[in-house]
Amino acid sequence: MLNGCYDCCPFAGEMSDAGEVFGEILNAVGAVRGGGELVNACFGLRISEHVVCGPCGQKATHISEYTEHIFTVSATAVMRQLRVSI
């Protein structure tokens, strides 16, 4: 639906869905000074994963921590906003 709607965008002409487009916007905002903290504060969910031993219940050394960015984008809403903006 968003294919080719913005000729000036780096992803114009690609079959990107609304989530991929918004992800690229978050990457661009995150690339400027202070942008990463802003993106994490608005869309970040801190994840901590670890392996637990079944028999003894002790945590293993396999620990992974990262921030997952959660967002839902309606392609219809984006297209409506585009029409209103033009």
C-alpha atoms as a PDB file:
ATOM      1  CA  MET A   1       0.000   0.000   0.000  1.00  0.00           C
ATOM      2  CA  LEU A   2       2.840   2.422   0.791  1.00  0.00           C
ATOM      3  CA  ASN A   3       4.883   1.333  -2.240  1.00  0.00           C
ATOM      4  CA  GLY A   4       6.097   4.463  -4.038  1.00  0.00           C
ATOM      5  CA  CYS A   5       4.016   6.988  -2.060  1.00  0.00           C
ATOM      6  CA  TYR A   6       7.079   9.068  -1.133  1.00  0.00           C
ATOM      7  CA  ASP A   7       9.531   9.667  -3.966  1.00  0.00           C
ATOM      8  CA  CYS A   8      12.065  11.288  -1.628  1.00  0.00           C
ATOM      9  CA  CYS A   9      12.270   8.344   0.802  1.00  0.00           C
ATOM     10  CA  PRO A  10      15.142   5.847   0.603  1.00  0.00           C
ATOM     11  CA  PHE A  11      12.664   2.948   0.563  1.00  0.00           C
ATOM     12  CA  ALA A  12      10.482   4.358  -2.249  1.00  0.00           C
ATOM     13  CA  GLY A  13       9.770   1.723  -4.860  1.00  0.00           C
ATOM     14  CA  GLU A  14      10.283  -1.130  -2.399  1.00  0.00           C
ATOM     15  CA  MET A  15       7.545  -3.363  -1.059  1.00  0.00           C
ATOM     16  CA  SER A  16       7.935  -2.100   2.502  1.00  0.00           C
ATOM     17  CA  ASP A  17       4.974  -2.420   4.814  1.00  0.00           C
ATOM     18  CA  ALA A  18       4.014   0.244   7.344  1.00  0.00           C
ATOM     19  CA  GLY A  19       5.912  -1.466  10.172  1.00  0.00           C
ATOM     20  CA  GLU A  20       9.140  -1.556   8.164  1.00  0.00           C
ATOM     21  CA  VAL A  21       8.741   2.114   7.198  1.00  0.00           C
ATOM     22  CA  PHE A  22       8.143   3.120  10.816  1.00  0.00           C
ATOM     23  CA  GLY A  23      11.146   1.025  11.879  1.00  0.00           C
ATOM     24  CA  GLU A  24      13.312   2.988   9.464  1.00  0.00           C
ATOM     25  CA  ILE A  25      11.951   6.240  10.911  1.00  0.00           C
ATOM     26  CA  LEU A  26      12.864   5.032  14.419  1.00  0.00           C
ATOM     27  CA  ASN A  27      16.359   4.115  13.185  1.00  0.00           C
ATOM     28  CA  ALA A  28      16.807   7.606  11.714  1.00  0.00           C
ATOM     29  CA  VAL A  29      15.617   9.310  14.915  1.00  0.00           C
ATOM     30  CA  GLY A  30      17.811   6.992  16.990  1.00  0.00           C
ATOM     31  CA  ALA A  31      20.875   7.952  14.932  1.00  0.00           C
ATOM     32  CA  VAL A  32      20.903  11.591  16.096  1.00  0.00           C
ATOM     33  CA  ARG A  33      22.219  12.732  19.476  1.00  0.00           C
ATOM     34  CA  GLY A  34      19.642  11.952  22.154  1.00  0.00           C
ATOM     35  CA  GLY A  35      17.416  10.170  19.666  1.00  0.00           C
ATOM     36  CA  GLY A  36      18.175   6.682  20.951  1.00  0.00           C
ATOM     37  CA  GLU A  37      16.997   7.592  24.448  1.00  0.00           C
ATOM     38  CA  LEU A  38      13.845   9.169  23.008  1.00  0.00           C
ATOM     39  CA  VAL A  39      13.031   6.099  20.902  1.00  0.00           C
ATOM     40  CA  ASN A  40      13.669   3.764  23.852  1.00  0.00           C
ATOM     41  CA  ALA A  41      11.539   5.894  26.199  1.00  0.00           C
ATOM     42  CA  CYS A  42       8.581   5.973  23.793  1.00  0.00           C
ATOM     43  CA  PHE A  43       8.726   2.544  22.167  1.00  0.00           C
ATOM     44  CA  GLY A  44      11.265   0.473  24.107  1.00  0.00           C
ATOM     45  CA  LEU A  45      10.553  -2.635  26.128  1.00  0.00           C
ATOM     46  CA  ARG A  46      13.565  -3.895  28.105  1.00  0.00           C
ATOM     47  CA  ILE A  47      13.935  -7.673  27.709  1.00  0.00           C
ATOM     48  CA  SER A  48      16.064  -9.947  29.893  1.00  0.00           C
ATOM     49  CA  GLU A  49      16.344 -13.609  28.912  1.00  0.00           C
ATOM     50  CA  HIS A  50      18.084 -16.334  30.872  1.00  0.00           C
ATOM     51  CA  VAL A  51      18.264 -20.102  31.020  1.00  0.00           C
ATOM     52  CA  VAL A  52      17.021 -21.812  34.181  1.00  0.00           C
ATOM     53  CA  CYS A  53      18.080 -25.330  35.121  1.00  0.00           C
ATOM     54  CA  GLY A  54      14.940 -27.472  35.348  1.00  0.00           C
ATOM     55  CA  PRO A  55      16.001 -29.863  38.123  1.00  0.00           C
ATOM     56  CA  CYS A  56      17.658 -27.354  40.470  1.00  0.00           C
ATOM     57  CA  GLY A  57      16.060 -24.030  39.433  1.00  0.00           C
ATOM     58  CA  GLN A  58      19.400 -22.199  39.356  1.00  0.00           C
ATOM     59  CA  LYS A  59      20.016 -19.567  36.667  1.00  0.00           C
ATOM     60  CA  ALA A  60      22.626 -20.538  34.114  1.00  0.00           C
ATOM     61  CA  THR A  61      25.247 -18.199  32.687  1.00  0.00           C
ATOM     62  CA  HIS A  62      23.323 -17.675  29.439  1.00  0.00           C
ATOM     63  CA  ILE A  63      21.870 -14.204  30.013  1.00  0.00           C
ATOM     64  CA  SER A  64      20.766 -11.869  27.227  1.00  0.00           C
ATOM     65  CA  GLU A  65      19.465  -8.320  27.717  1.00  0.00           C
ATOM     66  CA  TYR A  66      18.231  -5.990  24.998  1.00  0.00           C
ATOM     67  CA  THR A  67      15.549  -3.430  24.176  1.00  0.00           C
ATOM     68  CA  GLU A  68      12.768  -4.476  21.835  1.00  0.00           C
ATOM     69  CA  HIS A  69      10.869  -1.700  20.069  1.00  0.00           C
ATOM     70  CA  ILE A  70       7.122  -2.252  20.037  1.00  0.00           C
ATOM     71  CA  PHE A  71       4.793  -0.352  17.748  1.00  0.00           C
ATOM     72  CA  THR A  72       1.648  -0.928  15.731  1.00  0.00           C
ATOM     73  CA  VAL A  73       1.084   1.072  12.578  1.00  0.00           C
ATOM     74  CA  SER A  74      -2.067   1.147  10.501  1.00  0.00           C
ATOM     75  CA  ALA A  75      -1.244   1.480   6.797  1.00  0.00           C
ATOM     76  CA  THR A  76      -4.711   2.904   6.196  1.00  0.00           C
ATOM     77  CA  ALA A  77      -4.136   5.649   8.774  1.00  0.00           C
ATOM     78  CA  VAL A  78      -0.770   6.520   7.222  1.00  0.00           C
ATOM     79  CA  MET A  79      -2.326   6.801   3.763  1.00  0.00           C
ATOM     80  CA  ARG A  80      -5.199   8.936   5.083  1.00  0.00           C
ATOM     81  CA  GLN A  81      -2.708  11.265   6.776  1.00  0.00           C
ATOM     82  CA  LEU A  82      -0.705  11.476   3.555  1.00  0.00           C
ATOM     83  CA  ARG A  83      -3.833  12.518   1.639  1.00  0.00           C
ATOM     84  CA  VAL A  84      -4.682  15.173   4.251  1.00  0.00           C
ATOM     85  CA  SER A  85      -1.109  16.537   4.196  1.00  0.00           C
ATOM     86  CA  ILE A  86      -0.972  17.033   0.425  1.00  0.00           C
END
